[in-house]
Structure formats: structure tokens, C-alpha cells
């Protein structure tokens, strides 16, 4: 018998006026979605005003007064989530909600507890060279230090039980949320199930926000969670 799950989608948003009106309907159209919790993290480009005009019975809107970071927005949403499982959805169009079906399948079939969507197993537009090199390096360190074989530890598509995500006691407030989640799951000896997802990376001119400094912080977090914290 397949496992029944209720999927809470968390969407941290910061200055995504160009894409927010397209990505929200895409998420809400998916039959897997129980609720969508959007946290506007202090946008200043008109995103907040666009969000205020969107109404749907499955949509919950939360507004931060100031920008506090992706991790902070996710933690705010976790306190309001009511589903059995959570997936994080960026507010741009790099990740496609059509892949929810692929992500939930290992869980409903009792094959996995935690599922990551790998950008490198699925169809994708070429990434910038240094982004790919940074991802490869971070994957290498995670795999060596945690004895695993993950292909995409920094993926934005992470599907976890709500209770587990809350129990991880996440501390980070910015993009290092991704590596903190990965390391804390692995430290609990939970094997991560990876599935291919599509990915259309955008350029900095289109609003991409992650920087080289975020990769450096991610590396330091790997060392921190492997050796310095339980």
C-alpha cells in the first residue's frame, strides 16, 4: 500500500517581481500540494504588492519587515506548516514544480525518508563554469566526510518529513541553509534518495543572488557540522 503524504511547499521570496506571478500558479496547480506558504523576505521591488493581490485557498502569505535571508524565511514558514512533508521551492523559475511527482514517488512507495532532486542527473541548461566547479567541490567534501555519494548537496529541491526538518534545529539564516540541512540529515545516518529534476539556471542579470562567498561559507559549514556540532 502506498504511503499518503500531505505536501507543504515553502517559498522564500526576495525581490522576484518578474517571476512570482508565474511560479505561484505553477505550484498551486500541482495535485501533490496540500498548501503553499510564501514568505516575502522584505522585498523592495514591488513583489510584496503583487503577492498581496494573489488569493487561493491553499496559499498562506507571510511578510518579513526586513530582509533576513533564505534560511530565516524557511524557518518562519516551518512554524506555520501543517503538512506531513515539506519541499522548498525557490520563487524564480530555475526549478519546475512538475518534478514534484518524481520527488514524492520514493516516499509514497516507502523507498525513502528524504529525497533530493539532483540537477546533474536531470535535463538542465549549462551552469556557469565556476558555479559547477563550486558545486562539485562541495559535493566532494560532503561525500568524503560523511561517507556518501550525493551528486547535488546544494540542490534547492529537498523533500523531508516536516517533523524531521523541525527536529534538525536549523540555525543558519541565509543560503547555507542548504548545506546545514544536508549535513544534519547525513549526521543522523539517514541515506538520501536522489532523483533527477530539470534545471534552468539564470544569470546574475536576471536576478541570481548566490555569490562565491556563499560557497566559502558552505565549505566552512561542512567542517562545522562534521566535526564541531552534534
Protein backbone atom coordinates (compact mmCIF):
# COMPACT_ATOMS: atom_id res chain seq x y z
CA UNK A 1 0.00 0.00 0.00
CA UNK A 2 1.31 3.42 -0.94
CA UNK A 3 2.00 5.95 1.78
CA UNK A 4 -0.24 9.01 1.91
CA UNK A 5 1.51 12.36 2.34
CA UNK A 6 0.42 15.99 2.60
CA UNK A 7 2.95 18.24 0.91
CA UNK A 8 3.65 21.69 2.34
CA UNK A 9 5.56 23.81 -0.16
CA UNK A 10 7.63 26.63 1.36
CA UNK A 11 8.61 29.50 -0.92
CA UNK A 12 11.06 32.13 0.39
CA UNK A 13 10.81 35.26 -1.74
CA UNK A 14 13.06 38.29 -2.11
CA UNK A 15 12.68 40.74 -5.00
CA UNK A 16 11.12 38.34 -7.51
CA UNK A 17 8.52 40.62 -9.08
CA UNK A 18 9.23 39.28 -12.59
CA UNK A 19 8.56 35.62 -11.78
CA UNK A 20 6.29 35.48 -8.71
CA UNK A 21 3.09 35.76 -10.75
CA UNK A 22 4.11 32.73 -12.81
CA UNK A 23 5.66 30.40 -10.24
CA UNK A 24 2.81 30.52 -7.68
CA UNK A 25 0.13 29.24 -10.10
CA UNK A 26 2.53 26.51 -11.25
CA UNK A 27 2.92 25.30 -7.66
CA UNK A 28 -0.77 25.53 -6.80
CA UNK A 29 -1.74 23.58 -9.93
CA UNK A 30 0.15 20.50 -8.74
CA UNK A 31 -2.11 17.78 -7.26
CA UNK A 32 0.60 16.82 -4.74
CA UNK A 33 0.38 20.20 -2.98
CA UNK A 34 -1.52 20.45 0.30
CA UNK A 35 -0.51 24.07 0.94
CA UNK A 36 1.86 26.76 -0.28
CA UNK A 37 3.46 29.03 2.33
CA UNK A 38 5.07 32.10 0.78
CA UNK A 39 7.35 34.24 2.95
CA UNK A 40 8.27 37.58 1.45
CA UNK A 41 11.64 38.40 2.98
CA UNK A 42 11.48 42.19 2.88
CA UNK A 43 11.19 42.69 -0.88
CA UNK A 44 11.57 46.24 -2.16
CA UNK A 45 10.85 45.85 -5.89
CA UNK A 46 7.06 45.55 -5.84
CA UNK A 47 6.92 41.82 -5.10
CA UNK A 48 5.01 42.39 -1.86
CA UNK A 49 2.29 44.30 -3.66
CA UNK A 50 1.92 41.56 -6.29
CA UNK A 51 1.69 38.90 -3.58
CA UNK A 52 -0.99 40.82 -1.71
CA UNK A 53 -3.22 40.54 -4.77
CA UNK A 54 -2.98 36.75 -5.08
CA UNK A 55 -5.72 34.74 -3.37
CA UNK A 56 -6.07 30.95 -3.13
CA UNK A 57 -7.43 28.59 -0.51
CA UNK A 58 -4.13 26.69 -0.36
CA UNK A 59 -1.98 29.84 -0.17
CA UNK A 60 -0.61 31.33 3.04
CA UNK A 61 1.25 34.66 2.84
CA UNK A 62 3.75 35.90 5.43
CA UNK A 63 5.67 39.18 5.21
CA UNK A 64 9.01 39.89 6.89
CA UNK A 65 9.55 43.56 7.70
CA UNK A 66 13.20 43.34 6.66
CA UNK A 67 15.40 41.02 4.63
CA UNK A 68 16.73 38.27 6.88
CA UNK A 69 17.81 35.56 4.41
CA UNK A 70 16.51 32.37 2.81
CA UNK A 71 17.05 30.23 5.88
CA UNK A 72 15.22 32.73 8.09
CA UNK A 73 12.24 32.78 5.73
CA UNK A 74 12.11 28.99 5.70
CA UNK A 75 12.15 28.82 9.50
CA UNK A 76 9.27 31.32 9.64
CA UNK A 77 7.25 29.15 7.25
CA UNK A 78 8.01 25.93 9.14
CA UNK A 79 6.16 27.29 12.16
CA UNK A 80 3.01 27.60 10.01
CA UNK A 81 3.29 24.35 8.03
CA UNK A 82 0.59 21.73 8.55
CA UNK A 83 1.55 19.02 6.06
CA UNK A 84 3.35 15.74 6.68
CA UNK A 85 6.26 16.61 4.37
CA UNK A 86 7.97 19.78 3.17
CA UNK A 87 9.64 20.84 -0.03
CA UNK A 88 11.39 24.16 -0.61
CA UNK A 89 10.52 25.99 -3.83
CA UNK A 90 12.55 28.99 -4.97
CA UNK A 91 10.50 31.88 -6.33
CA UNK A 92 12.35 32.08 -9.63
CA UNK A 93 11.82 29.63 -12.49
CA UNK A 94 15.03 27.61 -12.15
CA UNK A 95 13.18 24.60 -10.68
CA UNK A 96 9.99 23.17 -12.20
CA UNK A 97 7.08 22.13 -9.92
CA UNK A 98 6.25 19.46 -12.50
CA UNK A 99 9.02 17.50 -10.79
CA UNK A 100 7.04 17.17 -7.53
CA UNK A 101 5.62 13.90 -8.83
CA UNK A 102 9.14 12.49 -9.22
CA UNK A 103 10.22 13.76 -5.80
CA UNK A 104 7.31 12.30 -3.81
CA UNK A 105 7.30 8.92 -5.55
CA UNK A 106 10.12 7.32 -3.46
CA UNK A 107 8.34 8.44 -0.27
CA UNK A 108 4.86 7.20 -1.18
CA UNK A 109 6.38 3.90 -2.28
CA UNK A 110 8.17 3.50 1.10
CA UNK A 111 11.62 3.62 -0.52
CA UNK A 112 12.94 6.80 1.11
CA UNK A 113 12.58 9.19 4.01
CA UNK A 114 14.49 12.11 2.48
CA UNK A 115 14.60 12.86 -1.25
CA UNK A 116 16.85 15.34 -3.07
CA UNK A 117 16.25 16.44 -6.65
CA UNK A 118 19.57 16.35 -8.48
CA UNK A 119 20.17 18.99 -11.12
CA UNK A 120 23.00 16.93 -12.55
CA UNK A 121 21.04 13.72 -13.17
CA UNK A 122 18.19 15.50 -14.94
CA UNK A 123 17.93 17.75 -18.02
CA UNK A 124 19.48 21.14 -17.42
CA UNK A 125 20.80 24.22 -19.12
CA UNK A 126 24.55 24.65 -18.79
CA UNK A 127 25.58 26.24 -15.50
CA UNK A 128 28.27 28.88 -15.22
CA UNK A 129 31.64 27.11 -15.01
CA UNK A 130 32.58 28.39 -11.55
CA UNK A 131 29.14 27.55 -10.16
CA UNK A 132 29.53 23.97 -11.41
CA UNK A 133 33.10 23.77 -10.08
CA UNK A 134 31.97 25.06 -6.69
CA UNK A 135 29.14 22.54 -6.55
CA UNK A 136 31.48 19.69 -7.47
CA UNK A 137 33.93 20.70 -4.76
CA UNK A 138 31.24 20.93 -2.08
CA UNK A 139 29.81 17.56 -3.12
CA UNK A 140 33.29 16.04 -2.90
CA UNK A 141 33.86 17.26 0.66
CA UNK A 142 30.40 16.17 1.82
CA UNK A 143 30.86 12.72 0.30
CA UNK A 144 34.32 12.22 1.80
CA UNK A 145 33.45 13.49 5.27
CA UNK A 146 30.05 11.81 5.55
CA UNK A 147 30.81 8.64 3.55
CA UNK A 148 28.08 9.11 0.97
CA UNK A 149 27.74 9.60 -2.80
CA UNK A 150 25.46 12.62 -3.21
CA UNK A 151 25.59 14.35 -6.59
CA UNK A 152 23.91 17.62 -5.56
CA UNK A 153 24.10 18.59 -1.89
CA UNK A 154 23.20 22.20 -2.73
CA UNK A 155 20.03 21.43 -4.66
CA UNK A 156 17.06 23.65 -3.94
CA UNK A 157 14.69 20.68 -4.13
CA UNK A 158 14.85 18.87 -0.79
CA UNK A 159 11.85 16.81 0.36
CA UNK A 160 11.76 15.92 4.07
CA UNK A 161 9.19 14.98 6.70
CA UNK A 162 8.04 18.12 8.49
CA UNK A 163 8.86 16.63 11.89
CA UNK A 164 12.40 15.77 10.82
CA UNK A 165 13.04 19.22 9.36
CA UNK A 166 11.90 20.82 12.61
CA UNK A 167 13.96 18.38 14.70
CA UNK A 168 17.13 19.33 12.81
CA UNK A 169 17.09 22.60 14.78
CA UNK A 170 18.30 24.67 11.85
CA UNK A 171 20.34 27.73 12.79
CA UNK A 172 21.51 29.30 9.54
CA UNK A 173 19.64 32.25 8.05
CA UNK A 174 20.96 32.56 4.53
CA UNK A 175 21.90 30.23 1.62
CA UNK A 176 23.92 28.00 3.96
CA UNK A 177 20.55 26.53 4.94
CA UNK A 178 21.10 24.06 2.08
CA UNK A 179 24.36 22.64 3.39
CA UNK A 180 23.20 22.68 7.02
CA UNK A 181 20.17 20.58 6.10
CA UNK A 182 22.24 18.11 4.08
CA UNK A 183 24.90 17.66 6.75
CA UNK A 184 22.44 17.31 9.64
CA UNK A 185 20.41 14.69 7.75
CA UNK A 186 23.56 12.69 6.96
CA UNK A 187 24.82 13.00 10.53
CA UNK A 188 21.64 11.18 11.62
CA UNK A 189 22.69 8.30 9.33
CA UNK A 190 19.73 8.92 7.04
CA UNK A 191 20.59 7.93 3.49
CA UNK A 192 19.41 10.49 0.93
CA UNK A 193 17.47 9.26 -2.11
CA UNK A 194 18.26 11.28 -5.24
CA UNK A 195 16.01 11.67 -8.27
CA UNK A 196 16.62 13.66 -11.48
CA UNK A 197 14.96 17.06 -11.80
CA UNK A 198 15.11 19.65 -14.55
CA UNK A 199 17.01 22.88 -14.00
CA UNK A 200 17.16 26.14 -15.94
CA UNK A 201 19.80 28.29 -14.29
CA UNK A 202 19.51 32.03 -14.64
CA UNK A 203 22.17 34.71 -14.99
CA UNK A 204 23.05 37.42 -12.48
CA UNK A 205 21.44 39.94 -14.83
CA UNK A 206 18.17 38.03 -14.38
CA UNK A 207 18.31 38.25 -10.60
CA UNK A 208 20.50 35.34 -9.48
CA UNK A 209 21.62 36.07 -5.92
CA UNK A 210 24.11 33.41 -4.79
CA UNK A 211 27.77 34.51 -4.79
CA UNK A 212 31.26 32.99 -4.45
CA UNK A 213 31.26 33.99 -0.79
CA UNK A 214 28.29 31.66 -0.25
CA UNK A 215 30.38 28.71 -1.47
CA UNK A 216 33.13 29.60 1.01
CA UNK A 217 30.59 29.77 3.84
CA UNK A 218 29.13 26.42 2.72
CA UNK A 219 32.56 24.78 2.94
CA UNK A 220 33.06 26.13 6.47
CA UNK A 221 29.61 24.82 7.41
CA UNK A 222 30.54 21.32 6.20
CA UNK A 223 33.53 21.29 8.54
CA UNK A 224 31.43 22.74 11.35
CA UNK A 225 28.65 20.15 11.15
CA UNK A 226 31.01 17.22 10.65
CA UNK A 227 33.46 17.94 13.45
CA UNK A 228 32.22 20.68 15.77
CA UNK A 229 28.50 20.07 16.30
CA UNK A 230 26.40 17.05 17.20
